[in-house]
Amino acid sequence: MSNWLVSIAGTPTGQHLALGLALLAAVLHALFGALQKGKHDPWLSRAVIDLTYGVIATPFALFIVPWPEPHMWAIFAGAFVIHAIYKLLQAMTYDRGAYTVVYPVVRGTGPLFTVIGAGLVFGEHYHPLQWFGVCLLVAGILGLAAYNLRHLTENRATLVPALGFAAATGAFVAIYTTYDAWGIRATADPFTFLAWFFMLDGIFIPALMARRIASLSRAQAIPLFKRGLIGAFVAYFSFGSIMIATRLDRVGEAAVLRETSTVFAALIGWLVLGEKVGLARTGLMALIALGAVVMEWAG
């Protein structure tokens, strides 16, 4: 399968597959955020999810996929540091702000910076109409955050720091998307990058939260680890999909399509977390979707 994926990169088949994978990543990324933000402490949720996917990935990394080329160790070290900072910022964001307020801010800043970064790193160039689509999507995402902020009644005391952490997290979304797209292109087998990434990425937050995990009672641990198992498989398909998409087609387009996750996050907030979605928010979500459609169509 690896050889087939590499062979279709840059072809119409690869472009169509990248489109589907980016949209799949959008749905799953929204679900992943809701899993971390749900009823459990976001630090513990993230730690258990990371621990679970790290343990599951280990036999695949060590015994199934080809081992990384020597130059990949430095790339993995960089990815480890970038994702560690990203996850610290993300947990601090979710710890302080309502999901439907902070999630759009996190995702709203990411695509614009990623498109710029993809131009600098990969030499990607975009039609002015595609830039218009990016602006529509970002405007819809940030508009959704502003609307949620205006009507928020809970956690207002921690809202300003939550928004600050959300913006910083969004910057790291752009950094890790661009960096990881470079990393997965630097190895011959994309599944080598994914397996080793998940194994190594599953170390930091669980180590940071080891004492709290060890102190959990059985009644506390069972539902948390069930959530962690679900989150692990969501992470595999979410992150794996977007990384394969960036290997097959342009990084900026894949990143923009993934940020339609804000639409799905709003739906999850409404249907699962009990947060209200009205006419204005529906219109803003439509603007986000329109921006993604324009970006893809103009390309």
Protein backbone atom coordinates (compact mmCIF):
# COMPACT_ATOMS: atom_id res chain seq x y z
CA MET A 1 0.00 0.00 0.00
CA SER A 2 2.88 2.36 0.77
CA ASN A 3 4.27 2.00 -2.74
CA TRP A 4 0.84 2.69 -4.23
CA LEU A 5 0.39 5.84 -2.12
CA VAL A 6 3.79 7.15 -3.14
CA SER A 7 3.08 6.37 -6.80
CA ILE A 8 -0.16 8.40 -6.94
CA ALA A 9 1.26 11.51 -5.23
CA GLY A 10 0.66 14.54 -7.45
CA THR A 11 -1.73 12.68 -9.78
CA PRO A 12 -5.49 13.29 -10.17
CA THR A 13 -6.11 10.07 -8.22
CA GLY A 14 -3.89 11.34 -5.42
CA GLN A 15 -5.66 14.69 -5.40
CA HIS A 16 -9.09 13.08 -5.08
CA LEU A 17 -7.90 10.76 -2.32
CA ALA A 18 -6.26 13.70 -0.51
CA LEU A 19 -9.57 15.59 -0.64
CA GLY A 20 -11.46 12.70 0.96
CA LEU A 21 -8.77 12.15 3.59
CA ALA A 22 -8.69 15.85 4.55
CA LEU A 23 -12.47 15.90 5.04
CA LEU A 24 -12.29 12.67 7.06
CA ALA A 25 -9.62 14.30 9.21
CA ALA A 26 -11.92 17.29 9.76
CA VAL A 27 -14.74 15.16 11.17
CA LEU A 28 -12.42 13.08 13.32
CA HIS A 29 -10.42 16.06 14.61
CA ALA A 30 -13.61 17.67 15.91
CA LEU A 31 -14.51 14.41 17.62
CA PHE A 32 -11.01 14.18 19.11
CA GLY A 33 -11.28 17.69 20.55
CA ALA A 34 -14.65 16.86 22.10
CA LEU A 35 -13.20 13.71 23.66
CA GLN A 36 -10.46 15.76 25.32
CA LYS A 37 -12.83 18.53 26.37
CA GLY A 38 -15.61 16.23 27.63
CA LYS A 39 -16.54 15.47 31.23
CA HIS A 40 -13.03 14.41 32.28
CA ASP A 41 -10.12 16.68 33.15
CA PRO A 42 -8.54 17.65 29.78
CA TRP A 43 -5.05 16.94 31.10
CA LEU A 44 -5.98 13.42 32.16
CA SER A 45 -7.99 12.84 28.99
CA ARG A 46 -5.04 13.82 26.81
CA ALA A 47 -2.61 11.76 28.90
CA VAL A 48 -4.69 8.59 28.67
CA ILE A 49 -5.35 9.02 24.94
CA ASP A 50 -1.63 9.53 24.28
CA LEU A 51 -0.66 6.60 26.49
CA THR A 52 -3.10 4.33 24.69
CA TYR A 53 -2.09 5.24 21.17
CA GLY A 54 1.59 5.09 22.09
CA VAL A 55 1.27 1.56 23.47
CA ILE A 56 -0.74 0.35 20.47
CA ALA A 57 1.70 1.92 17.99
CA THR A 58 4.82 0.40 19.59
CA PRO A 59 4.68 -3.12 18.05
CA PHE A 60 3.88 -1.62 14.64
CA ALA A 61 6.86 0.76 14.88
CA LEU A 62 9.31 -1.86 16.13
CA PHE A 63 8.28 -4.96 14.18
CA ILE A 64 5.99 -4.19 11.22
CA VAL A 65 6.90 -0.99 9.33
CA PRO A 66 10.41 -0.41 7.96
CA TRP A 67 12.72 1.29 10.44
CA PRO A 68 13.38 5.00 9.91
CA GLU A 69 16.36 6.15 7.86
CA PRO A 70 19.16 7.73 9.95
CA HIS A 71 18.19 11.29 9.04
CA MET A 72 14.69 10.73 10.45
CA TRP A 73 15.81 10.70 14.09
CA ALA A 74 16.43 14.46 14.10
CA ILE A 75 13.06 15.01 12.41
CA PHE A 76 11.30 12.92 15.06
CA ALA A 77 13.07 14.88 17.80
CA GLY A 78 11.76 18.14 16.32
CA ALA A 79 8.24 16.72 16.01
CA PHE A 80 8.35 15.56 19.64
CA VAL A 81 9.18 19.05 20.90
CA ILE A 82 6.65 20.84 18.67
CA HIS A 83 3.80 18.51 19.59
CA ALA A 84 4.69 18.64 23.30
CA ILE A 85 4.34 22.43 23.28
CA TYR A 86 1.15 22.21 21.20
CA LYS A 87 -0.48 19.76 23.61
CA LEU A 88 0.46 21.79 26.68
CA LEU A 89 -1.12 24.86 25.12
CA GLN A 90 -4.18 22.91 24.00
CA ALA A 91 -4.80 21.44 27.46
CA MET A 92 -4.43 24.87 29.08
CA THR A 93 -6.91 26.24 26.53
CA TYR A 94 -9.55 23.58 27.16
CA ASP A 95 -8.99 23.89 30.89
CA ARG A 96 -10.07 27.55 30.81
CA GLY A 97 -12.62 28.05 28.03
CA ALA A 98 -15.86 26.66 26.62
CA TYR A 99 -15.25 24.22 23.77
CA THR A 100 -17.31 26.06 21.14
CA VAL A 101 -15.49 29.34 21.93
CA VAL A 102 -11.87 28.23 22.10
CA TYR A 103 -11.93 25.50 19.42
CA PRO A 104 -12.77 27.93 16.56
CA VAL A 105 -9.97 30.26 17.66
CA VAL A 106 -7.49 27.38 17.69
CA ARG A 107 -8.52 26.25 14.23
CA GLY A 108 -9.10 29.74 12.79
CA THR A 109 -5.51 30.89 12.99
CA GLY A 110 -4.06 27.59 11.76
CA PRO A 111 -5.01 27.45 8.05
CA LEU A 112 -3.84 30.95 7.16
CA PHE A 113 -0.40 30.42 8.69
CA THR A 114 -0.18 26.91 7.22
CA VAL A 115 -0.86 28.17 3.69
CA ILE A 116 1.86 30.79 4.17
CA GLY A 117 4.22 28.20 5.64
CA ALA A 118 3.54 25.76 2.80
CA GLY A 119 4.47 28.48 0.35
CA LEU A 120 7.77 29.11 2.12
CA VAL A 121 8.70 25.46 2.77
CA PHE A 122 7.24 23.63 -0.24
CA GLY A 123 7.03 26.45 -2.78
CA GLU A 124 3.25 26.12 -3.13
CA HIS A 125 1.47 28.94 -4.92
CA TYR A 126 -2.26 29.73 -4.84
CA HIS A 127 -4.69 31.51 -7.12
CA PRO A 128 -6.14 34.80 -5.76
CA LEU A 129 -9.56 33.12 -5.64
CA GLN A 130 -8.09 30.41 -3.41
CA TRP A 131 -6.80 33.11 -1.06
CA PHE A 132 -10.32 34.53 -1.05
CA GLY A 133 -11.60 31.10 -0.02
CA VAL A 134 -9.06 30.95 2.81
CA CYS A 135 -10.17 34.39 3.99
CA LEU A 136 -13.84 33.32 3.92
CA LEU A 137 -13.04 30.23 5.98
CA VAL A 138 -10.94 32.12 8.53
CA ALA A 139 -13.58 34.87 8.78
CA GLY A 140 -16.27 32.29 9.42
CA ILE A 141 -14.22 30.50 12.06
CA LEU A 142 -13.24 33.66 13.93
CA GLY A 143 -16.79 35.03 13.53
CA LEU A 144 -18.09 31.87 15.14
CA ALA A 145 -15.67 32.34 18.02
CA ALA A 146 -16.73 35.99 18.42
CA TYR A 147 -20.42 35.08 18.42
CA ASN A 148 -19.85 32.35 21.00
CA LEU A 149 -17.81 34.77 23.09
CA ARG A 150 -20.55 37.39 23.07
CA HIS A 151 -23.22 34.95 24.22
CA LEU A 152 -21.11 32.96 26.67
CA THR A 153 -22.36 32.95 30.26
CA GLU A 154 -19.96 30.41 31.79
CA ASN A 155 -16.23 30.63 32.61
CA ARG A 156 -16.02 34.32 31.72
CA ALA A 157 -13.43 34.91 34.45
CA THR A 158 -10.94 32.68 32.64
CA LEU A 159 -11.97 33.67 29.12
CA VAL A 160 -9.18 36.15 28.32
CA PRO A 161 -6.34 33.71 29.14
CA ALA A 162 -8.29 30.94 27.38
CA LEU A 163 -8.40 32.97 24.17
CA GLY A 164 -4.71 33.81 24.48
CA PHE A 165 -3.80 30.15 24.85
CA ALA A 166 -6.17 29.30 21.97
CA ALA A 167 -4.40 31.72 19.62
CA ALA A 168 -1.00 30.33 20.62
CA THR A 169 -2.28 26.80 20.09
CA GLY A 170 -3.48 27.81 16.62
CA ALA A 171 0.01 29.02 15.76
CA PHE A 172 1.40 25.64 16.73
CA VAL A 173 -1.24 23.91 14.61
CA ALA A 174 0.31 25.67 11.62
CA ILE A 175 3.84 24.82 12.77
CA TYR A 176 3.20 21.12 13.32
CA THR A 177 1.15 20.74 10.13
CA THR A 178 3.94 22.17 8.00
CA TYR A 179 6.71 20.40 9.89
CA ASP A 180 5.00 17.00 9.87
CA ALA A 181 4.18 17.32 6.17
CA TRP A 182 7.91 17.83 5.60
CA GLY A 183 8.68 14.87 7.88
CA ILE A 184 6.35 12.39 6.19
CA ARG A 185 7.84 13.33 2.82
CA ALA A 186 11.37 12.78 4.13
CA THR A 187 10.95 9.01 4.57
CA ALA A 188 10.39 6.40 1.88
CA ASP A 189 7.46 4.75 3.67
CA PRO A 190 4.77 7.12 5.06
CA PHE A 191 3.61 4.48 7.54
CA THR A 192 7.09 4.47 9.09
CA PHE A 193 6.63 8.12 9.96
CA LEU A 194 3.13 7.55 11.36
CA ALA A 195 3.97 4.50 13.49
CA TRP A 196 7.11 6.03 15.00
CA PHE A 197 5.42 9.38 15.47
CA PHE A 198 2.58 7.87 17.53
CA MET A 199 4.94 5.71 19.58
CA LEU A 200 7.17 8.68 20.48
CA ASP A 201 4.32 11.17 20.82
CA GLY A 202 2.68 8.90 23.40
CA ILE A 203 5.43 9.55 25.95
CA PHE A 204 5.39 13.20 27.05
CA ILE A 205 1.93 13.94 28.48
CA PRO A 206 1.54 10.48 30.13
CA ALA A 207 4.95 10.97 31.82
CA LEU A 208 3.89 14.45 32.93
CA MET A 209 0.64 13.10 34.39
CA ALA A 210 1.97 9.76 35.66
CA ARG A 211 1.23 10.42 39.35
CA ARG A 212 -2.34 11.51 38.66
CA ILE A 213 -2.96 8.49 36.45
CA ALA A 214 -1.55 6.18 39.13
CA SER A 215 -3.78 7.77 41.79
CA LEU A 216 -7.01 7.07 39.90
CA SER A 217 -9.43 4.67 41.52
CA ARG A 218 -10.78 1.76 39.51
CA ALA A 219 -14.13 3.53 39.16
CA GLN A 220 -12.38 6.62 37.78
CA ALA A 221 -9.89 4.78 35.58
CA ILE A 222 -12.27 2.49 33.66
CA PRO A 223 -14.37 5.19 31.93
CA LEU A 224 -11.28 7.32 31.36
CA PHE A 225 -9.38 4.51 29.66
CA LYS A 226 -12.43 3.62 27.58
CA ARG A 227 -12.38 7.22 26.36
CA GLY A 228 -8.63 6.90 25.83
CA LEU A 229 -9.06 3.83 23.63
CA ILE A 230 -11.67 5.55 21.49
CA GLY A 231 -9.50 8.66 21.30
CA ALA A 232 -6.48 6.61 20.24
CA PHE A 233 -8.23 5.20 17.18
CA VAL A 234 -9.76 8.58 16.36
CA ALA A 235 -6.26 10.09 16.53
CA TYR A 236 -4.81 7.40 14.24
CA PHE A 237 -7.36 8.04 11.53
CA SER A 238 -7.52 11.82 12.04
CA PHE A 239 -3.79 12.55 12.09
CA GLY A 240 -3.00 9.71 9.71
CA SER A 241 -5.53 10.97 7.17
CA ILE A 242 -4.25 14.53 7.12
CA MET A 243 -0.62 13.42 6.95
CA ILE A 244 -1.28 11.10 4.02
CA ALA A 245 -3.25 13.92 2.37
CA THR A 246 -0.24 16.25 2.67
CA ARG A 247 1.96 13.53 1.17
CA LEU A 248 -0.38 13.11 -1.82
CA ASP A 249 -1.27 16.73 -2.59
CA ARG A 250 -0.59 20.31 -1.58
CA VAL A 251 -0.17 20.94 2.15
CA GLY A 252 -2.07 24.23 2.24
CA GLU A 253 -5.21 22.85 0.59
CA ALA A 254 -5.31 19.85 2.92
CA ALA A 255 -4.88 22.11 5.96
CA VAL A 256 -7.71 24.41 4.88
CA LEU A 257 -10.10 21.51 4.26
CA ARG A 258 -9.27 20.05 7.67
CA GLU A 259 -10.38 23.27 9.34
CA THR A 260 -13.95 22.57 8.33
CA SER A 261 -13.67 20.58 11.55
CA THR A 262 -15.02 23.74 13.20
CA VAL A 263 -18.40 23.02 11.61
CA PHE A 264 -18.38 19.49 12.97
CA ALA A 265 -17.16 20.75 16.36
CA ALA A 266 -20.15 23.08 16.59
CA LEU A 267 -22.47 20.20 15.78
CA ILE A 268 -20.81 18.03 18.42
CA GLY A 269 -21.04 20.87 20.94
CA TRP A 270 -24.76 21.13 20.19
CA LEU A 271 -25.69 17.44 19.93
CA VAL A 272 -23.31 15.92 22.50
CA LEU A 273 -22.20 18.65 24.91
CA GLY A 274 -25.59 20.40 25.03
CA GLU A 275 -24.35 23.77 23.76
CA LYS A 276 -26.86 25.82 21.74
CA VAL A 277 -26.55 26.43 17.97
CA GLY A 278 -28.76 29.20 16.51
CA LEU A 279 -29.36 30.80 13.14
CA ALA A 280 -26.31 33.10 13.30
CA ARG A 281 -23.94 30.26 14.12
CA THR A 282 -25.46 28.14 11.38
CA GLY A 283 -24.76 30.97 8.91
CA LEU A 284 -21.17 31.27 10.08
CA MET A 285 -20.69 27.53 9.72
CA ALA A 286 -22.02 27.80 6.18
CA LEU A 287 -19.42 30.54 5.52
CA ILE A 288 -16.67 28.21 6.74
CA ALA A 289 -17.87 25.45 4.42
CA LEU A 290 -18.14 27.92 1.52
CA GLY A 291 -14.56 29.07 2.06
CA ALA A 292 -13.32 25.48 1.90
CA VAL A 293 -15.34 24.83 -1.28
CA VAL A 294 -13.97 27.97 -2.95
CA MET A 295 -10.41 27.05 -1.98
CA GLU A 296 -10.76 23.56 -3.45
CA TRP A 297 -12.76 24.58 -6.55
CA ALA A 298 -10.39 27.41 -7.48
CA GLY A 299 -7.47 24.97 -7.28
